[in-house]
Protein backbone atom coordinates (compact mmCIF):
# COMPACT_ATOMS: atom_id res chain seq x y z
CA MET A 1 -70.23 -25.62 4.73
CA LYS A 2 -73.66 -24.32 3.67
CA GLU A 3 -75.39 -27.65 4.19
CA ARG A 4 -74.37 -27.81 7.83
CA GLY A 5 -75.67 -24.39 8.69
CA ASN A 6 -78.92 -24.72 6.82
CA ARG A 7 -81.66 -24.52 9.52
CA VAL A 8 -84.27 -26.30 7.38
CA LEU A 9 -81.91 -29.22 6.64
CA ARG A 10 -80.99 -29.45 10.23
CA PHE A 11 -84.66 -29.53 11.28
CA ALA A 12 -85.54 -32.27 8.79
CA ASP A 13 -82.44 -34.20 9.65
CA ARG A 14 -83.48 -34.55 13.22
CA TRP A 15 -87.32 -34.81 13.10
CA LEU A 16 -87.41 -36.95 9.98
CA GLY A 17 -84.06 -38.59 10.24
CA VAL A 18 -84.30 -40.12 13.73
CA PRO A 19 -87.47 -42.15 13.08
CA LEU A 20 -86.22 -43.08 9.65
CA ILE A 21 -82.87 -44.48 10.90
CA ALA A 22 -84.64 -46.20 13.76
CA THR A 23 -86.90 -47.92 11.20
CA LEU A 24 -84.05 -48.92 9.03
CA GLY A 25 -82.31 -50.37 12.00
CA LEU A 26 -85.30 -52.52 12.94
CA LEU A 27 -85.58 -53.84 9.34
CA SER A 28 -81.98 -54.94 9.23
CA SER A 29 -79.67 -57.15 11.35
CA ARG A 30 -76.07 -56.41 12.20
CA ARG A 31 -73.65 -58.27 9.99
CA ARG A 32 -70.17 -59.69 10.65
CA LEU A 33 -67.07 -58.29 9.00
CA ILE A 34 -66.14 -60.75 6.18
CA GLU A 35 -63.08 -60.87 4.01
CA PRO A 36 -62.08 -59.92 1.31
CA ILE A 37 -61.78 -56.20 1.99
CA ASN A 38 -60.73 -54.47 -1.18
CA VAL A 39 -62.90 -51.30 -1.41
CA VAL A 40 -63.29 -49.03 1.57
CA GLY A 41 -65.57 -46.01 1.47
CA ILE A 42 -65.14 -43.11 3.81
CA LEU A 43 -68.25 -40.85 4.11
CA MET A 44 -67.01 -37.36 4.93
CA ILE A 45 -69.78 -34.80 4.51
CA GLY A 46 -68.62 -32.44 7.26
CA VAL A 47 -66.81 -29.15 6.99
CA ILE A 48 -63.32 -28.69 5.61
CA GLY A 49 -61.60 -28.82 8.95
CA ASP A 50 -63.30 -32.18 9.85
CA THR A 51 -62.39 -33.50 6.39
CA VAL A 52 -58.62 -32.89 6.70
CA LEU A 53 -58.69 -34.59 10.09
CA ALA A 54 -60.85 -37.51 9.11
CA ALA A 55 -58.66 -38.14 6.01
CA SER A 56 -56.24 -39.72 8.49
CA LEU A 57 -58.46 -42.79 8.18
CA ALA A 58 -57.54 -43.10 4.54
CA ARG A 59 -53.81 -43.14 5.47
CA ALA A 60 -54.41 -45.74 8.21
CA VAL A 61 -56.40 -48.00 5.77
CA LYS A 62 -53.61 -47.80 3.26
CA MET A 63 -51.07 -48.88 5.91
CA TRP A 64 -53.35 -51.76 6.92
CA ARG A 65 -54.19 -52.80 3.31
CA PRO A 66 -51.76 -51.09 0.83
CA ASN A 67 -53.74 -52.56 -2.15
CA ALA A 68 -57.18 -51.49 -1.00
CA THR A 69 -59.06 -48.84 -2.93
CA VAL A 70 -60.12 -45.94 -0.72
CA VAL A 71 -63.12 -43.94 -1.93
CA ALA A 72 -64.05 -40.58 -0.32
CA LEU A 73 -67.75 -39.60 -0.33
CA VAL A 74 -67.96 -35.84 0.16
CA SER A 75 -70.37 -32.93 -0.47
CA ARG A 76 -69.83 -29.99 -2.67
CA GLY A 77 -68.89 -27.85 0.29
CA ASN A 78 -65.83 -29.84 1.26
CA VAL A 79 -64.68 -31.68 -1.98
CA GLY A 80 -61.80 -29.26 -2.38
CA ALA A 81 -60.24 -30.61 0.80
CA ILE A 82 -59.59 -33.98 -0.81
CA ASP A 83 -56.92 -32.34 -2.98
CA LEU A 84 -54.90 -31.60 0.13
CA VAL A 85 -54.63 -35.13 1.57
CA ASP A 86 -53.14 -38.46 0.68
CA GLY A 87 -54.60 -41.91 0.60
CA ILE A 88 -57.77 -41.24 -1.41
CA ASP A 89 -58.06 -43.10 -4.79
CA HIS A 90 -61.51 -41.94 -5.88
CA VAL A 91 -63.96 -39.20 -4.94
CA ILE A 92 -67.76 -39.30 -5.17
CA VAL A 93 -69.64 -36.00 -4.68
CA VAL A 94 -72.88 -36.65 -2.75
CA PRO A 95 -75.73 -34.18 -3.37
CA ILE A 96 -76.71 -33.74 0.31
CA LYS A 97 -79.41 -31.10 -0.41
CA ARG A 98 -81.30 -33.68 -2.49
CA PRO A 99 -81.57 -36.76 -0.12
CA LEU A 100 -83.16 -39.20 -2.58
CA GLN A 101 -80.56 -38.46 -5.19
CA ALA A 102 -77.88 -38.67 -2.50
CA VAL A 103 -79.07 -42.31 -1.52
CA GLY A 104 -78.88 -43.23 -5.28
CA THR A 105 -75.41 -41.75 -5.66
CA VAL A 106 -74.01 -43.74 -2.70
CA ARG A 107 -75.74 -46.92 -3.84
CA GLU A 108 -74.01 -46.75 -7.26
CA LYS A 109 -70.87 -48.28 -5.71
CA LYS A 110 -70.62 -51.33 -3.61
CA PHE A 111 -68.21 -51.02 -0.74
CA ASP A 112 -66.74 -53.95 1.33
CA VAL A 113 -66.60 -51.52 4.24
CA LEU A 114 -68.32 -48.08 4.51
CA ILE A 115 -67.06 -45.78 7.40
CA ASP A 116 -69.43 -42.77 8.24
CA THR A 117 -67.42 -40.04 9.98
CA SER A 118 -70.34 -37.70 10.49
CA GLN A 119 -70.90 -37.01 14.21
CA TRP A 120 -74.42 -35.94 14.61
CA ALA A 121 -76.24 -35.66 11.29
CA ARG A 122 -78.65 -38.44 10.61
CA ILE A 123 -78.20 -38.11 6.84
CA GLY A 124 -74.85 -39.80 7.01
CA ALA A 125 -76.26 -42.77 8.97
CA ILE A 126 -79.13 -42.99 6.54
CA LEU A 127 -76.78 -43.06 3.63
CA ALA A 128 -74.74 -45.79 5.21
CA ALA A 129 -77.84 -47.90 6.09
CA THR A 130 -79.23 -47.71 2.59
CA SER A 131 -75.99 -48.27 0.80
CA ARG A 132 -74.98 -51.64 -0.80
CA SER A 133 -72.07 -51.94 1.60
CA ARG A 134 -71.16 -55.31 3.09
CA TYR A 135 -70.27 -53.79 6.44
CA THR A 136 -70.85 -50.27 7.87
CA ILE A 137 -69.28 -48.40 10.81
CA GLY A 138 -70.28 -45.15 12.42
CA PHE A 139 -70.49 -43.14 15.58
CA GLN A 140 -72.87 -43.72 18.54
CA THR A 141 -73.21 -40.07 19.71
CA ALA A 142 -75.02 -39.39 22.90
CA GLY A 143 -78.46 -37.85 22.30
CA GLN A 144 -78.40 -38.02 18.48
CA TYR A 145 -80.09 -41.36 17.98
CA ARG A 146 -78.27 -42.11 14.75
CA HIS A 147 -76.42 -45.38 15.34
CA TYR A 148 -79.12 -48.01 14.88
CA GLY A 149 -78.36 -48.86 11.32
CA TYR A 150 -74.60 -49.58 11.48
CA ASP A 151 -73.12 -52.99 11.80
CA ALA A 152 -70.62 -51.58 14.22
CA ALA A 153 -71.18 -48.48 16.32
CA VAL A 154 -68.27 -46.76 18.00
CA GLU A 155 -68.69 -44.34 20.92
CA HIS A 156 -68.26 -40.75 20.00
CA SER A 157 -66.67 -39.29 23.11
CA ARG A 158 -66.72 -35.66 24.12
CA GLU A 159 -63.70 -36.34 26.40
CA ARG A 160 -61.17 -36.62 23.55
CA HIS A 161 -60.02 -34.66 20.52
CA GLU A 162 -62.01 -35.37 17.37
CA ILE A 163 -58.97 -36.88 15.68
CA ARG A 164 -58.96 -39.59 18.25
CA ASN A 165 -62.72 -40.12 17.73
CA PHE A 166 -62.07 -40.55 13.99
CA LEU A 167 -59.32 -43.03 14.50
CA ALA A 168 -61.58 -45.05 16.89
CA LEU A 169 -63.88 -45.73 13.84
CA LEU A 170 -61.20 -48.17 12.69
CA SER A 171 -61.30 -50.37 15.83
CA PRO A 172 -64.03 -52.72 14.47
CA LEU A 173 -61.46 -53.49 11.69
CA GLY A 174 -58.95 -54.42 14.26
CA ILE A 175 -56.83 -51.36 13.56
CA SER A 176 -55.29 -49.54 16.47
CA THR A 177 -53.28 -46.54 15.38
CA GLY A 178 -52.04 -43.26 16.43
CA VAL A 179 -51.41 -41.97 12.96
CA GLN A 180 -51.79 -38.19 12.81
CA PRO A 181 -53.48 -36.09 10.12
CA SER A 182 -51.20 -34.65 7.46
CA LEU A 183 -51.27 -32.83 4.20
CA ARG A 184 -49.68 -33.93 0.95
CA HIS A 185 -45.91 -33.77 1.22
CA GLU A 186 -45.60 -31.52 -1.82
CA LEU A 187 -47.78 -28.88 -0.36
CA MET A 188 -45.19 -28.29 2.37
CA HIS A 189 -42.70 -27.51 -0.35
CA SER A 190 -44.84 -25.80 -2.91
CA PRO A 191 -43.66 -22.60 -4.61
CA PRO A 192 -44.94 -19.48 -2.80
CA LEU A 193 -47.97 -17.71 -4.22
CA LEU A 194 -46.77 -14.39 -2.66
CA ALA A 195 -43.05 -14.41 -3.34
CA GLY A 196 -40.46 -12.11 -1.88
CA ILE A 197 -42.43 -10.63 1.00
CA ARG A 198 -42.83 -11.28 4.70
CA TYR A 199 -46.53 -11.59 5.77
CA VAL A 200 -48.88 -12.65 8.56
CA VAL A 201 -52.17 -14.15 7.54
CA PHE A 202 -55.38 -12.92 9.28
CA HIS A 203 -58.33 -15.29 8.89
CA PRO A 204 -61.10 -13.54 10.88
CA TRP A 205 -64.29 -15.50 9.72
CA ALA A 206 -65.81 -18.83 10.62
CA ALA A 207 -68.49 -20.86 8.87
CA GLY A 208 -71.49 -22.91 9.71
CA PHE A 209 -74.19 -22.59 12.40
CA ARG A 210 -74.01 -19.39 14.47
CA SER A 211 -70.52 -18.72 13.05
CA GLU A 212 -70.66 -15.09 14.10
CA LEU A 213 -70.30 -16.25 17.74
CA ARG A 214 -66.88 -17.70 16.87
CA GLU A 215 -65.51 -14.46 15.39
CA TRP A 216 -63.32 -11.89 17.02
CA PRO A 217 -64.49 -8.25 16.97
CA SER A 218 -63.40 -6.36 13.79
CA GLU A 219 -61.80 -3.49 15.74
CA ARG A 220 -59.46 -5.87 17.44
CA TRP A 221 -58.20 -7.16 14.19
CA VAL A 222 -57.46 -3.57 13.30
CA ALA A 223 -55.67 -2.94 16.57
CA LEU A 224 -53.70 -6.08 16.09
CA ALA A 225 -52.59 -5.08 12.62
CA HIS A 226 -51.43 -1.70 13.89
CA ALA A 227 -49.59 -3.37 16.80
CA ILE A 228 -47.33 -5.26 14.39
CA GLU A 229 -44.80 -2.38 14.16
CA ASP A 230 -42.56 -3.89 11.56
CA THR A 231 -43.45 -2.02 8.29
CA ASP A 232 -41.80 -4.71 6.30
CA THR A 233 -44.52 -7.18 7.26
CA SER A 234 -47.57 -7.31 5.18
CA ILE A 235 -51.04 -8.43 6.48
CA VAL A 236 -52.81 -11.01 4.22
CA ILE A 237 -56.53 -11.18 4.88
CA THR A 238 -58.05 -14.49 3.74
CA GLY A 239 -61.64 -15.76 3.69
CA GLY A 240 -64.30 -17.14 1.44
CA ALA A 241 -66.37 -15.53 -1.21
CA ALA A 242 -69.04 -14.67 1.32
CA ASP A 243 -66.47 -12.82 3.43
CA ARG A 244 -65.27 -10.50 0.70
CA ALA A 245 -67.34 -7.53 1.69
CA ALA A 246 -66.29 -7.79 5.33
CA ALA A 247 -62.72 -8.34 4.30
CA GLU A 248 -62.81 -5.05 2.21
CA ALA A 249 -64.21 -3.24 5.25
CA LEU A 250 -61.50 -4.58 7.41
CA ALA A 251 -58.78 -3.65 5.00
CA ALA A 252 -60.20 -0.13 4.81
CA ALA A 253 -60.31 0.11 8.63
CA ILE A 254 -56.67 -0.97 8.89
CA ASP A 255 -55.96 1.86 6.40
CA ARG A 256 -52.44 0.72 5.31
CA PRO A 257 -53.04 -0.10 1.66
CA ASN A 258 -49.33 -0.70 0.94
CA LEU A 259 -49.10 -3.42 3.59
CA VAL A 260 -52.62 -5.09 3.37
CA ILE A 261 -53.06 -7.81 0.74
CA LEU A 262 -56.76 -8.78 0.33
CA LEU A 263 -57.23 -12.42 -0.77
CA ALA A 264 -60.73 -13.21 0.59
CA GLY A 265 -62.69 -14.82 -2.12
CA LYS A 266 -59.93 -14.76 -4.51
CA THR A 267 -58.17 -18.08 -3.96
CA SER A 268 -58.92 -21.71 -4.34
CA LEU A 269 -58.47 -23.91 -1.34
CA MET A 270 -55.19 -25.13 -2.90
CA GLU A 271 -53.95 -21.64 -3.43
CA LEU A 272 -55.00 -20.66 0.11
CA THR A 273 -52.89 -23.60 1.42
CA ARG A 274 -49.89 -22.35 -0.57
CA VAL A 275 -50.40 -18.89 0.99
CA LEU A 276 -50.44 -20.45 4.49
CA ALA A 277 -47.46 -22.67 3.84
CA HIS A 278 -45.20 -19.61 3.40
CA ALA A 279 -46.65 -17.28 6.11
CA GLU A 280 -44.42 -16.15 8.86
CA ALA A 281 -47.43 -16.68 11.13
CA VAL A 282 -51.23 -17.19 11.01
CA VAL A 283 -53.85 -15.74 13.24
CA SER A 284 -57.23 -17.55 12.76
CA VAL A 285 -60.48 -18.31 14.41
CA ASN A 286 -61.48 -21.95 14.81
CA THR A 287 -62.28 -23.06 11.18
CA GLY A 288 -60.88 -25.22 8.43
CA THR A 289 -58.15 -22.60 7.68
CA MET A 290 -56.90 -22.99 11.21
CA HIS A 291 -56.58 -26.70 10.82
CA ILE A 292 -54.72 -26.44 7.51
CA ALA A 293 -52.32 -23.93 8.99
CA ALA A 294 -51.63 -26.20 11.94
CA LEU A 295 -51.13 -29.25 9.71
CA LEU A 296 -48.66 -27.17 7.66
CA ASN A 297 -46.83 -26.61 10.91
CA ARG A 298 -46.91 -22.85 10.54
CA PRO A 299 -46.72 -20.62 13.64
CA LEU A 300 -50.33 -20.21 14.60
CA VAL A 301 -52.42 -18.25 17.05
CA ALA A 302 -55.73 -19.96 17.17
CA LEU A 303 -58.64 -17.90 18.69
CA HIS A 304 -61.22 -19.98 20.46
CA GLY A 305 -64.39 -18.72 22.29
CA PRO A 306 -67.34 -21.13 22.58
CA THR A 307 -65.34 -23.92 20.77
CA ASP A 308 -63.57 -26.31 23.06
CA PRO A 309 -59.96 -26.56 22.02
CA ARG A 310 -59.60 -29.97 23.77
CA ARG A 311 -62.18 -31.20 21.21
CA TRP A 312 -61.48 -29.12 18.20
CA GLY A 313 -58.14 -27.36 18.73
CA PRO A 314 -55.34 -27.29 16.15
CA VAL A 315 -53.29 -30.43 15.64
CA GLY A 316 -49.67 -29.44 15.51
CA ASP A 317 -46.58 -28.35 17.48
CA SER A 318 -46.47 -24.77 16.42
CA ALA A 319 -49.88 -23.58 17.54
CA VAL A 320 -50.91 -21.49 20.58
CA VAL A 321 -54.57 -21.45 21.60
CA VAL A 322 -55.98 -18.32 23.23
CA GLY A 323 -59.43 -17.82 24.56
CA PRO A 324 -61.64 -18.25 27.72
CA GLY A 325 -61.78 -21.61 29.30
CA PRO A 326 -64.95 -23.27 30.77
CA GLU A 327 -64.43 -21.30 33.99
CA GLN A 328 -64.80 -18.09 32.02
CA GLY A 329 -67.81 -19.23 30.14
CA GLY A 330 -66.04 -20.45 27.02
CA ALA A 331 -65.10 -23.80 25.46
CA TYR A 332 -68.53 -25.31 25.80
CA LEU A 333 -69.26 -26.49 22.25
CA ASN A 334 -69.06 -30.30 21.73
CA LEU A 335 -70.83 -30.92 18.46
CA GLY A 336 -70.99 -27.34 17.35
CA PHE A 337 -74.62 -26.22 17.95
CA GLU A 338 -74.98 -26.32 21.78
CA TYR A 339 -75.48 -22.54 22.08
CA GLN A 340 -77.72 -21.01 24.72
CA ARG A 341 -80.63 -18.95 23.71
CA HIS A 342 -78.74 -15.75 24.67
CA PRO A 343 -75.04 -16.90 24.46
CA GLU A 344 -72.37 -15.02 26.16
CA ASP A 345 -69.73 -13.15 23.97
CA CYS A 346 -66.84 -15.47 24.57
CA MET A 347 -64.69 -14.04 21.72
CA GLY A 348 -64.97 -10.59 23.23
CA LYS A 349 -63.01 -11.87 26.26
CA ILE A 350 -59.91 -12.20 24.02
CA SER A 351 -57.84 -8.99 24.24
CA VAL A 352 -55.42 -7.74 21.56
CA SER A 353 -52.53 -8.24 23.98
CA ASP A 354 -53.57 -11.94 24.50
CA VAL A 355 -52.95 -12.47 20.75
CA LEU A 356 -49.99 -10.07 20.35
CA ARG A 357 -47.80 -11.70 22.91
CA PRO A 358 -47.56 -15.12 21.35
CA LEU A 359 -47.62 -13.58 17.75
CA LYS A 360 -44.61 -11.40 18.48
CA ALA A 361 -42.76 -14.28 20.04
CA MET A 362 -43.55 -16.48 16.99
CA LEU A 363 -42.41 -13.81 14.63
CA ALA A 364 -39.09 -13.34 16.55
CA VAL A 365 -38.26 -17.06 16.32
CA GLU A 366 -39.37 -17.32 12.71
CA ARG A 367 -37.01 -14.44 11.68
CA ALA A 368 -34.23 -15.72 13.69
CA VAL A 369 -34.19 -19.10 11.78
CA ARG A 370 -34.92 -17.73 8.34
CA GLN A 371 -32.04 -16.76 6.14
CA PRO A 372 -32.16 -13.43 4.44
CA THR A 373 -32.46 -15.16 1.04
CA GLY A 374 -35.38 -17.18 2.27
CA LEU A 375 -38.12 -14.47 2.09
CA GLY A 376 -41.31 -15.97 0.88
CA ALA A 377 -39.76 -19.47 0.74
């Protein structure tokens, strides 16, 4: 998400946002939750991975109040993720880069409850505080000074996975649930975009602030591709439009044009999901694609360096996380920006064999359970 990695926006968000939200908190008093609750807004201006996890709130609200209208408020950077999830009735795109316009956009609709899922950005708290909502809920995140304007502030804990933090936002409504994130049922059974072939997806690129520190060295992707000895298995390289040049360079370095399929920058998020849904396995760094592959229950090797998998790891039963733990200098990111001035290369500590071992085991199991007629299905 470009907005999240923008240094100017992050600087303004902290040094202007903190005093502004504190002032808004002083000028308002906390309100009680009052019935009826018919329209619930969920402010999700994070990245795609956060969005598909936070969308669990919509499912939980629908279970609580089946007739409630659930509105997702998103940015241009993650609006495509809404097509992947259930429970959302309407979508409002908030122009985050234009704060005054963003405030006006949110104020156009009156919510009975507005839940802000943003963890550290003050802009989310400001939008909630200046909305016309009758009751607002958001995180109280240590050191971020963003909770003053909510009617109910919920502890944002670094000791639990983020999906559990998101679900905790429902506690002021009296909802206690263990509902897990999921994608739309039809996506699990959509027709393959790449029919009739066996393939493994490589997703080498992350996004956001200091994303290069969450990426595995290119030469190791090349070595991994060569280590997959089955010549009937294609390598599908995925990524965004900004990754296209790097993807072309990686494909050239692998130098197996008959086996490499380059999709970086060529698919919509929905099309990418269809590609992931029919992959024999996926190898991905920690990013939205990783979360989507996990929720599709595809065999997944998730590469983690500075990102703590206990906080941000894949949610699913078919994923294996590889990467250095805290004792090896990794897994230290909580909110996503706590890098040291000269951060250690955590991703470089992941060897090709670390990835190849679980990948080969996954491929063996996958091929054992697939019927010969089920290629690409």
